[in-house]
Amino acid sequence: QALTVLGTAEIGDRLVRYGTLTAAPRLWVAFADTTTPPVFGYLTGLATGGPTLHVTDQRHLAWTRTGDRTDQLIRHGLDVWRDAQRACQG
């Protein structure tokens, strides 16, 4: 299923995409340079202000935990979420 990309960020020298899937309404996180499977996790708690990153592909767990990448993924995801809300609310 195609990811509807809402925003991108460069984190740890890789381009990361944030988007939604119609069948699973979460803010998904995917690598732009990986085709199978590009999605490696999702963010929850964005609406409550307590975002959490859930890594669904364990092959990328070490990458997400290196340095401050988890914090960057959450911070950029929260920015994408807020921008999407502003765009939807007009």
PDB file of N, CA and C in Angstrom:
ATOM      1  N   GLN A   1       0.843  -1.176   0.000  1.00  0.00           N
ATOM      2  CA  GLN A   1       0.000   0.000   0.000  1.00  0.00           C
ATOM      3  C   GLN A   1       0.888   1.239   0.000  1.00  0.00           C
ATOM      4  N   ALA A   2       0.505   2.255  -0.745  1.00  0.00           N
ATOM      5  CA  ALA A   2       1.317   3.455  -0.894  1.00  0.00           C
ATOM      6  C   ALA A   2       1.184   4.371   0.312  1.00  0.00           C
ATOM      7  N   LEU A   3       2.301   4.912   0.708  1.00  0.00           N
ATOM      8  CA  LEU A   3       2.355   5.872   1.804  1.00  0.00           C
ATOM      9  C   LEU A   3       2.052   7.262   1.248  1.00  0.00           C
ATOM     10  N   THR A   4       1.078   7.954   1.815  1.00  0.00           N
ATOM     11  CA  THR A   4       0.805   9.339   1.436  1.00  0.00           C
ATOM     12  C   THR A   4       1.770  10.204   2.232  1.00  0.00           C
ATOM     13  N   VAL A   5       2.794  10.725   1.568  1.00  0.00           N
ATOM     14  CA  VAL A   5       3.864  11.456   2.234  1.00  0.00           C
ATOM     15  C   VAL A   5       3.391  12.855   2.618  1.00  0.00           C
ATOM     16  N   LEU A   6       3.545  13.172   3.904  1.00  0.00           N
ATOM     17  CA  LEU A   6       3.166  14.484   4.432  1.00  0.00           C
ATOM     18  C   LEU A   6       4.364  15.379   4.687  1.00  0.00           C
ATOM     19  N   GLY A   7       5.550  14.783   4.810  1.00  0.00           N
ATOM     20  CA  GLY A   7       6.752  15.561   5.066  1.00  0.00           C
ATOM     21  C   GLY A   7       7.985  14.688   5.045  1.00  0.00           C
ATOM     22  N   THR A   8       9.152  15.332   4.956  1.00  0.00           N
ATOM     23  CA  THR A   8      10.417  14.613   4.942  1.00  0.00           C
ATOM     24  C   THR A   8      11.421  15.324   5.849  1.00  0.00           C
ATOM     25  N   ALA A   9      12.457  14.597   6.237  1.00  0.00           N
ATOM     26  CA  ALA A   9      13.548  15.166   7.028  1.00  0.00           C
ATOM     27  C   ALA A   9      14.794  14.329   6.783  1.00  0.00           C
ATOM     28  N   GLU A  10      15.960  14.969   6.841  1.00  0.00           N
ATOM     29  CA  GLU A  10      17.207  14.232   6.756  1.00  0.00           C
ATOM     30  C   GLU A  10      17.685  13.967   8.181  1.00  0.00           C
ATOM     31  N   ILE A  11      17.818  12.688   8.509  1.00  0.00           N
ATOM     32  CA  ILE A  11      18.212  12.269   9.849  1.00  0.00           C
ATOM     33  C   ILE A  11      19.282  11.200   9.705  1.00  0.00           C
ATOM     34  N   GLY A  12      20.400  11.388  10.380  1.00  0.00           N
ATOM     35  CA  GLY A  12      21.468  10.396  10.331  1.00  0.00           C
ATOM     36  C   GLY A  12      21.901  10.089   8.915  1.00  0.00           C
ATOM     37  N   ASP A  13      22.068  11.083   8.090  1.00  0.00           N
ATOM     38  CA  ASP A  13      22.471  11.033   6.682  1.00  0.00           C
ATOM     39  C   ASP A  13      21.536  10.235   5.777  1.00  0.00           C
ATOM     40  N   ARG A  14      20.293  10.051   6.212  1.00  0.00           N
ATOM     41  CA  ARG A  14      19.278   9.378   5.388  1.00  0.00           C
ATOM     42  C   ARG A  14      18.029  10.232   5.304  1.00  0.00           C
ATOM     43  N   LEU A  15      17.363  10.175   4.169  1.00  0.00           N
ATOM     44  CA  LEU A  15      16.108  10.884   3.991  1.00  0.00           C
ATOM     45  C   LEU A  15      14.980  10.031   4.556  1.00  0.00           C
ATOM     46  N   VAL A  16      14.212  10.620   5.466  1.00  0.00           N
ATOM     47  CA  VAL A  16      13.101   9.929   6.113  1.00  0.00           C
ATOM     48  C   VAL A  16      11.809  10.587   5.673  1.00  0.00           C
ATOM     49  N   ARG A  17      10.813   9.770   5.356  1.00  0.00           N
ATOM     50  CA  ARG A  17       9.490  10.266   4.969  1.00  0.00           C
ATOM     51  C   ARG A  17       8.495  10.001   6.085  1.00  0.00           C
ATOM     52  N   TYR A  18       7.587  10.943   6.280  1.00  0.00           N
ATOM     53  CA  TYR A  18       6.485  10.790   7.229  1.00  0.00           C
ATOM     54  C   TYR A  18       5.198  10.788   6.423  1.00  0.00           C
ATOM     55  N   GLY A  19       4.311   9.865   6.711  1.00  0.00           N
ATOM     56  CA  GLY A  19       3.076   9.814   5.951  1.00  0.00           C
ATOM     57  C   GLY A  19       2.021   8.945   6.598  1.00  0.00           C
ATOM     58  N   THR A  20       0.915   8.828   5.888  1.00  0.00           N
ATOM     59  CA  THR A  20      -0.209   8.037   6.389  1.00  0.00           C
ATOM     60  C   THR A  20      -0.547   6.921   5.406  1.00  0.00           C
ATOM     61  N   LEU A  21      -1.206   5.914   5.934  1.00  0.00           N
ATOM     62  CA  LEU A  21      -1.767   4.830   5.137  1.00  0.00           C
ATOM     63  C   LEU A  21      -3.264   4.823   5.410  1.00  0.00           C
ATOM     64  N   THR A  22      -4.064   4.778   4.387  1.00  0.00           N
ATOM     65  CA  THR A  22      -5.514   4.825   4.553  1.00  0.00           C
ATOM     66  C   THR A  22      -6.015   3.707   5.461  1.00  0.00           C
ATOM     67  N   ALA A  23      -5.480   2.515   5.291  1.00  0.00           N
ATOM     68  CA  ALA A  23      -5.952   1.375   6.059  1.00  0.00           C
ATOM     69  C   ALA A  23      -5.467   1.371   7.514  1.00  0.00           C
ATOM     70  N   ALA A  24      -4.437   2.154   7.811  1.00  0.00           N
ATOM     71  CA  ALA A  24      -3.871   2.185   9.170  1.00  0.00           C
ATOM     72  C   ALA A  24      -3.518   3.626   9.515  1.00  0.00           C
ATOM     73  N   PRO A  25      -4.492   4.390  10.014  1.00  0.00           N
ATOM     74  CA  PRO A  25      -4.298   5.832  10.227  1.00  0.00           C
ATOM     75  C   PRO A  25      -3.379   6.161  11.412  1.00  0.00           C
ATOM     76  N   ARG A  26      -2.101   6.185  11.121  1.00  0.00           N
ATOM     77  CA  ARG A  26      -1.060   6.603  12.059  1.00  0.00           C
ATOM     78  C   ARG A  26      -0.088   7.459  11.274  1.00  0.00           C
ATOM     79  N   LEU A  27       0.842   8.094  11.952  1.00  0.00           N
ATOM     80  CA  LEU A  27       1.904   8.801  11.240  1.00  0.00           C
ATOM     81  C   LEU A  27       3.065   7.819  11.098  1.00  0.00           C
ATOM     82  N   TRP A  28       3.188   7.238   9.912  1.00  0.00           N
ATOM     83  CA  TRP A  28       4.197   6.235   9.628  1.00  0.00           C
ATOM     84  C   TRP A  28       5.516   6.897   9.282  1.00  0.00           C
ATOM     85  N   VAL A  29       6.622   6.196   9.526  1.00  0.00           N
ATOM     86  CA  VAL A  29       7.970   6.681   9.250  1.00  0.00           C
ATOM     87  C   VAL A  29       8.640   5.685   8.314  1.00  0.00           C
ATOM     88  N   ALA A  30       9.223   6.197   7.213  1.00  0.00           N
ATOM     89  CA  ALA A  30       9.815   5.314   6.209  1.00  0.00           C
ATOM     90  C   ALA A  30      11.098   5.918   5.658  1.00  0.00           C
ATOM     91  N   PHE A  31      12.004   5.055   5.202  1.00  0.00           N
ATOM     92  CA  PHE A  31      13.197   5.520   4.513  1.00  0.00           C
ATOM     93  C   PHE A  31      12.849   5.781   3.057  1.00  0.00           C
ATOM     94  N   ALA A  32      13.371   6.869   2.510  1.00  0.00           N
ATOM     95  CA  ALA A  32      13.117   7.200   1.111  1.00  0.00           C
ATOM     96  C   ALA A  32      13.959   6.338   0.175  1.00  0.00           C
ATOM     97  N   ASP A  33      15.101   5.815   0.657  1.00  0.00           N
ATOM     98  CA  ASP A  33      16.023   5.078  -0.211  1.00  0.00           C
ATOM     99  C   ASP A  33      15.889   3.561  -0.113  1.00  0.00           C
ATOM    100  N   THR A  34      14.865   3.074   0.575  1.00  0.00           N
ATOM    101  CA  THR A  34      14.652   1.643   0.724  1.00  0.00           C
ATOM    102  C   THR A  34      13.306   1.294   0.110  1.00  0.00           C
ATOM    103  N   THR A  35      13.293   0.269  -0.736  1.00  0.00           N
ATOM    104  CA  THR A  35      12.028  -0.070  -1.394  1.00  0.00           C
ATOM    105  C   THR A  35      11.268  -1.176  -0.677  1.00  0.00           C
ATOM    106  N   THR A  36      11.960  -2.123  -0.066  1.00  0.00           N
ATOM    107  CA  THR A  36      11.259  -3.210   0.612  1.00  0.00           C
ATOM    108  C   THR A  36      11.877  -3.514   1.957  1.00  0.00           C
ATOM    109  N   PRO A  37      11.221  -3.432   3.015  1.00  0.00           N
ATOM    110  CA  PRO A  37      10.065  -2.560   3.231  1.00  0.00           C
ATOM    111  C   PRO A  37      10.551  -1.179   3.646  1.00  0.00           C
ATOM    112  N   PRO A  38      10.010  -0.137   3.069  1.00  0.00           N
ATOM    113  CA  PRO A  38      10.476   1.206   3.415  1.00  0.00           C
ATOM    114  C   PRO A  38      10.002   1.675   4.791  1.00  0.00           C
ATOM    115  N   VAL A  39       8.820   1.225   5.214  1.00  0.00           N
ATOM    116  CA  VAL A  39       8.263   1.669   6.490  1.00  0.00           C
ATOM    117  C   VAL A  39       8.958   0.919   7.618  1.00  0.00           C
ATOM    118  N   PHE A  40       9.496   1.669   8.591  1.00  0.00           N
ATOM    119  CA  PHE A  40      10.170   1.011   9.705  1.00  0.00           C
ATOM    120  C   PHE A  40       9.546   1.322  11.056  1.00  0.00           C
ATOM    121  N   GLY A  41       8.509   2.171  11.088  1.00  0.00           N
ATOM    122  CA  GLY A  41       7.863   2.465  12.355  1.00  0.00           C
ATOM    123  C   GLY A  41       6.755   3.486  12.206  1.00  0.00           C
ATOM    124  N   TYR A  42       6.209   3.884  13.345  1.00  0.00           N
ATOM    125  CA  TYR A  42       5.156   4.889  13.353  1.00  0.00           C
ATOM    126  C   TYR A  42       5.189   5.645  14.671  1.00  0.00           C
ATOM    127  N   LEU A  43       4.537   6.801  14.674  1.00  0.00           N
ATOM    128  CA  LEU A  43       4.464   7.642  15.856  1.00  0.00           C
ATOM    129  C   LEU A  43       3.044   7.664  16.391  1.00  0.00           C
ATOM    130  N   THR A  44       2.924   7.605  17.705  1.00  0.00           N
ATOM    131  CA  THR A  44       1.634   7.755  18.367  1.00  0.00           C
ATOM    132  C   THR A  44       1.757   8.874  19.392  1.00  0.00           C
ATOM    133  N   GLY A  45       0.627   9.301  19.934  1.00  0.00           N
ATOM    134  CA  GLY A  45       0.616  10.322  20.972  1.00  0.00           C
ATOM    135  C   GLY A  45       0.858  11.729  20.475  1.00  0.00           C
ATOM    136  N   LEU A  46       0.750  11.940  19.173  1.00  0.00           N
ATOM    137  CA  LEU A  46       1.003  13.267  18.614  1.00  0.00           C
ATOM    138  C   LEU A  46      -0.071  14.268  19.026  1.00  0.00           C
ATOM    139  N   ALA A  47      -1.311  13.840  19.060  1.00  0.00           N
ATOM    140  CA  ALA A  47      -2.413  14.742  19.411  1.00  0.00           C
ATOM    141  C   ALA A  47      -2.397  15.105  20.893  1.00  0.00           C
ATOM    142  N   THR A  48      -1.824  14.244  21.717  1.00  0.00           N
ATOM    143  CA  THR A  48      -1.805  14.505  23.160  1.00  0.00           C
ATOM    144  C   THR A  48      -0.543  15.224  23.606  1.00  0.00           C
ATOM    145  N   GLY A  49       0.420  15.379  22.699  1.00  0.00           N
ATOM    146  CA  GLY A  49       1.667  16.045  23.057  1.00  0.00           C
ATOM    147  C   GLY A  49       2.682  15.128  23.709  1.00  0.00           C
ATOM    148  N   GLY A  50       2.411  13.829  23.725  1.00  0.00           N
ATOM    149  CA  GLY A  50       3.345  12.846  24.275  1.00  0.00           C
ATOM    150  C   GLY A  50       3.736  11.832  23.229  1.00  0.00           C
ATOM    151  N   PRO A  51       4.442  12.257  22.159  1.00  0.00           N
ATOM    152  CA  PRO A  51       4.733  11.350  21.056  1.00  0.00           C
ATOM    153  C   PRO A  51       5.709  10.233  21.434  1.00  0.00           C
ATOM    154  N   THR A  52       5.455   9.067  20.843  1.00  0.00           N
ATOM    155  CA  THR A  52       6.292   7.889  21.040  1.00  0.00           C
ATOM    156  C   THR A  52       6.575   7.263  19.684  1.00  0.00           C
ATOM    157  N   LEU A  53       7.825   6.872  19.454  1.00  0.00           N
ATOM    158  CA  LEU A  53       8.205   6.167  18.234  1.00  0.00           C
ATOM    159  C   LEU A  53       8.106   4.667  18.484  1.00  0.00           C
ATOM    160  N   HIS A  54       7.405   3.963  17.604  1.00  0.00           N
ATOM    161  CA  HIS A  54       7.286   2.503  17.653  1.00  0.00           C
ATOM    162  C   HIS A  54       8.012   1.956  16.426  1.00  0.00           C
ATOM    163  N   VAL A  55       9.087   1.223  16.629  1.00  0.00           N
ATOM    164  CA  VAL A  55       9.845   0.644  15.519  1.00  0.00           C
ATOM    165  C   VAL A  55       9.250  -0.721  15.211  1.00  0.00           C
ATOM    166  N   THR A  56       8.750  -0.882  13.976  1.00  0.00           N
ATOM    167  CA  THR A  56       8.086  -2.120  13.571  1.00  0.00           C
ATOM    168  C   THR A  56       9.012  -3.061  12.818  1.00  0.00           C
ATOM    169  N   ASP A  57      10.118  -2.555  12.311  1.00  0.00           N
ATOM    170  CA  ASP A  57      11.084  -3.381  11.594  1.00  0.00           C
ATOM    171  C   ASP A  57      12.369  -3.395  12.416  1.00  0.00           C
ATOM    172  N   GLN A  58      12.600  -4.481  13.120  1.00  0.00           N
ATOM    173  CA  GLN A  58      13.724  -4.578  14.059  1.00  0.00           C
ATOM    174  C   GLN A  58      15.086  -4.418  13.391  1.00  0.00           C
ATOM    175  N   ARG A  59      15.151  -4.606  12.076  1.00  0.00           N
ATOM    176  CA  ARG A  59      16.422  -4.414  11.368  1.00  0.00           C
ATOM    177  C   ARG A  59      16.905  -2.980  11.458  1.00  0.00           C
ATOM    178  N   HIS A  60      15.999  -2.051  11.732  1.00  0.00           N
ATOM    179  CA  HIS A  60      16.364  -0.635  11.799  1.00  0.00           C
ATOM    180  C   HIS A  60      16.387  -0.096  13.226  1.00  0.00           C
ATOM    181  N   LEU A  61      16.210  -0.954  14.206  1.00  0.00           N
ATOM    182  CA  LEU A  61      16.179  -0.524  15.598  1.00  0.00           C
ATOM    183  C   LEU A  61      17.503   0.118  16.018  1.00  0.00           C
ATOM    184  N   ALA A  62      18.619  -0.490  15.694  1.00  0.00           N
ATOM    185  CA  ALA A  62      19.923   0.066  16.071  1.00  0.00           C
ATOM    186  C   ALA A  62      20.123   1.439  15.439  1.00  0.00           C
ATOM    187  N   TRP A  63      19.708   1.606  14.182  1.00  0.00           N
ATOM    188  CA  TRP A  63      19.850   2.905  13.519  1.00  0.00           C
ATOM    189  C   TRP A  63      19.041   3.964  14.254  1.00  0.00           C
ATOM    190  N   THR A  64      17.825   3.654  14.639  1.00  0.00           N
ATOM    191  CA  THR A  64      16.987   4.652  15.304  1.00  0.00           C
ATOM    192  C   THR A  64      17.524   5.028  16.678  1.00  0.00           C
ATOM    193  N   ARG A  65      18.249   4.121  17.312  1.00  0.00           N
ATOM    194  CA  ARG A  65      18.772   4.380  18.660  1.00  0.00           C
ATOM    195  C   ARG A  65      20.144   5.040  18.672  1.00  0.00           C
ATOM    196  N   THR A  66      20.778   5.191  17.516  1.00  0.00           N
ATOM    197  CA  THR A  66      22.100   5.806  17.448  1.00  0.00           C
ATOM    198  C   THR A  66      21.994   7.306  17.663  1.00  0.00           C
ATOM    199  N   GLY A  67      22.844   7.832  18.540  1.00  0.00           N
ATOM    200  CA  GLY A  67      22.851   9.267  18.808  1.00  0.00           C
ATOM    201  C   GLY A  67      21.488   9.758  19.267  1.00  0.00           C
ATOM    202  N   ASP A  68      21.054  10.858  18.679  1.00  0.00           N
ATOM    203  CA  ASP A  68      19.751  11.434  19.042  1.00  0.00           C
ATOM    204  C   ASP A  68      18.706  11.224  17.951  1.00  0.00           C
ATOM    205  N   ARG A  69      18.867  10.172  17.148  1.00  0.00           N
ATOM    206  CA  ARG A  69      17.953   9.936  16.028  1.00  0.00           C
ATOM    207  C   ARG A  69      16.509   9.729  16.472  1.00  0.00           C
ATOM    208  N   THR A  70      16.273   9.022  17.563  1.00  0.00           N
ATOM    209  CA  THR A  70      14.899   8.834  18.032  1.00  0.00           C
ATOM    210  C   THR A  70      14.275  10.183  18.339  1.00  0.00           C
ATOM    211  N   ASP A  71      15.008  11.045  19.031  1.00  0.00           N
ATOM    212  CA  ASP A  71      14.497  12.390  19.338  1.00  0.00           C
ATOM    213  C   ASP A  71      14.234  13.181  18.068  1.00  0.00           C
ATOM    214  N   GLN A  72      15.140  13.076  17.090  1.00  0.00           N
ATOM    215  CA  GLN A  72      14.940  13.784  15.823  1.00  0.00           C
ATOM    216  C   GLN A  72      13.721  13.260  15.082  1.00  0.00           C
ATOM    217  N   LEU A  73      13.561  11.938  15.044  1.00  0.00           N
ATOM    218  CA  LEU A  73      12.402  11.351  14.365  1.00  0.00           C
ATOM    219  C   LEU A  73      11.102  11.829  15.008  1.00  0.00           C
ATOM    220  N   ILE A  74      11.080  11.873  16.316  1.00  0.00           N
ATOM    221  CA  ILE A  74       9.884  12.336  17.028  1.00  0.00           C
ATOM    222  C   ILE A  74       9.658  13.826  16.790  1.00  0.00           C
ATOM    223  N   ARG A  75      10.706  14.629  16.916  1.00  0.00           N
ATOM    224  CA  ARG A  75      10.575  16.073  16.743  1.00  0.00           C
ATOM    225  C   ARG A  75      10.075  16.438  15.337  1.00  0.00           C
ATOM    226  N   HIS A  76      10.700  15.836  14.312  1.00  0.00           N
ATOM    227  CA  HIS A  76      10.267  16.118  12.937  1.00  0.00           C
ATOM    228  C   HIS A  76       8.863  15.579  12.673  1.00  0.00           C
ATOM    229  N   GLY A  77       8.552  14.416  13.241  1.00  0.00           N
ATOM    230  CA  GLY A  77       7.207  13.860  13.097  1.00  0.00           C
ATOM    231  C   GLY A  77       6.154  14.770  13.703  1.00  0.00           C
ATOM    232  N   LEU A  78       6.458  15.333  14.862  1.00  0.00           N
ATOM    233  CA  LEU A  78       5.535  16.266  15.507  1.00  0.00           C
ATOM    234  C   LEU A  78       5.342  17.517  14.650  1.00  0.00           C
ATOM    235  N   ASP A  79       6.419  18.005  14.038  1.00  0.00           N
ATOM    236  CA  ASP A  79       6.312  19.158  13.128  1.00  0.00           C
ATOM    237  C   ASP A  79       5.435  18.828  11.928  1.00  0.00           C
ATOM    238  N   VAL A  80       5.644  17.646  11.342  1.00  0.00           N
ATOM    239  CA  VAL A  80       4.838  17.219  10.187  1.00  0.00           C
ATOM    240  C   VAL A  80       3.373  17.114  10.591  1.00  0.00           C
ATOM    241  N   TRP A  81       3.109  16.530  11.752  1.00  0.00           N
ATOM    242  CA  TRP A  81       1.743  16.378  12.262  1.00  0.00           C
ATOM    243  C   TRP A  81       1.070  17.740  12.414  1.00  0.00           C
ATOM    244  N   ARG A  82       1.771  18.677  13.026  1.00  0.00           N
ATOM    245  CA  ARG A  82       1.204  20.020  13.244  1.00  0.00           C
ATOM    246  C   ARG A  82       0.963  20.741  11.928  1.00  0.00           C
ATOM    247  N   ASP A  83       1.902  20.626  10.980  1.00  0.00           N
ATOM    248  CA  ASP A  83       1.719  21.249   9.666  1.00  0.00           C
ATOM    249  C   ASP A  83       0.514  20.656   8.940  1.00  0.00           C
ATOM    250  N   ALA A  84       0.348  19.335   9.025  1.00  0.00           N
ATOM    251  CA  ALA A  84      -0.798  18.685   8.382  1.00  0.00           C
ATOM    252  C   ALA A  84      -2.104  19.133   9.022  1.00  0.00           C
ATOM    253  N   GLN A  85      -2.117  19.285  10.339  1.00  0.00           N
ATOM    254  CA  GLN A  85      -3.332  19.763  11.016  1.00  0.00           C
ATOM    255  C   GLN A  85      -3.676  21.170  10.565  1.00  0.00           C
ATOM    256  N   ARG A  86      -2.673  22.047  10.476  1.00  0.00           N
ATOM    257  CA  ARG A  86      -2.925  23.435  10.038  1.00  0.00           C
ATOM    258  C   ARG A  86      -3.465  23.447   8.609  1.00  0.00           C
ATOM    259  N   ALA A  87      -2.914  22.604   7.735  1.00  0.00           N
ATOM    260  CA  ALA A  87      -3.364  22.557   6.348  1.00  0.00           C
ATOM    261  C   ALA A  87      -4.793  22.048   6.253  1.00  0.00           C
ATOM    262  N   CYS A  88      -5.132  21.079   7.082  1.00  0.00           N
ATOM    263  CA  CYS A  88      -6.492  20.508   7.038  1.00  0.00           C
ATOM    264  C   CYS A  88      -7.521  21.450   7.639  1.00  0.00           C
ATOM    265  N   GLN A  89      -7.118  22.222   8.624  1.00  0.00           N
ATOM    266  CA  GLN A  89      -8.054  23.129   9.298  1.00  0.00           C
ATOM    267  C   GLN A  89      -8.170  24.468   8.585  1.00  0.00           C
ATOM    268  N   GLY A  90      -7.323  24.686   7.588  1.00  0.00           N
ATOM    269  CA  GLY A  90      -7.395  25.920   6.801  1.00  0.00           C
ATOM    270  C   GLY A  90      -6.728  27.018   7.486  1.00  0.00           C
TER     271      GLY A  90
END
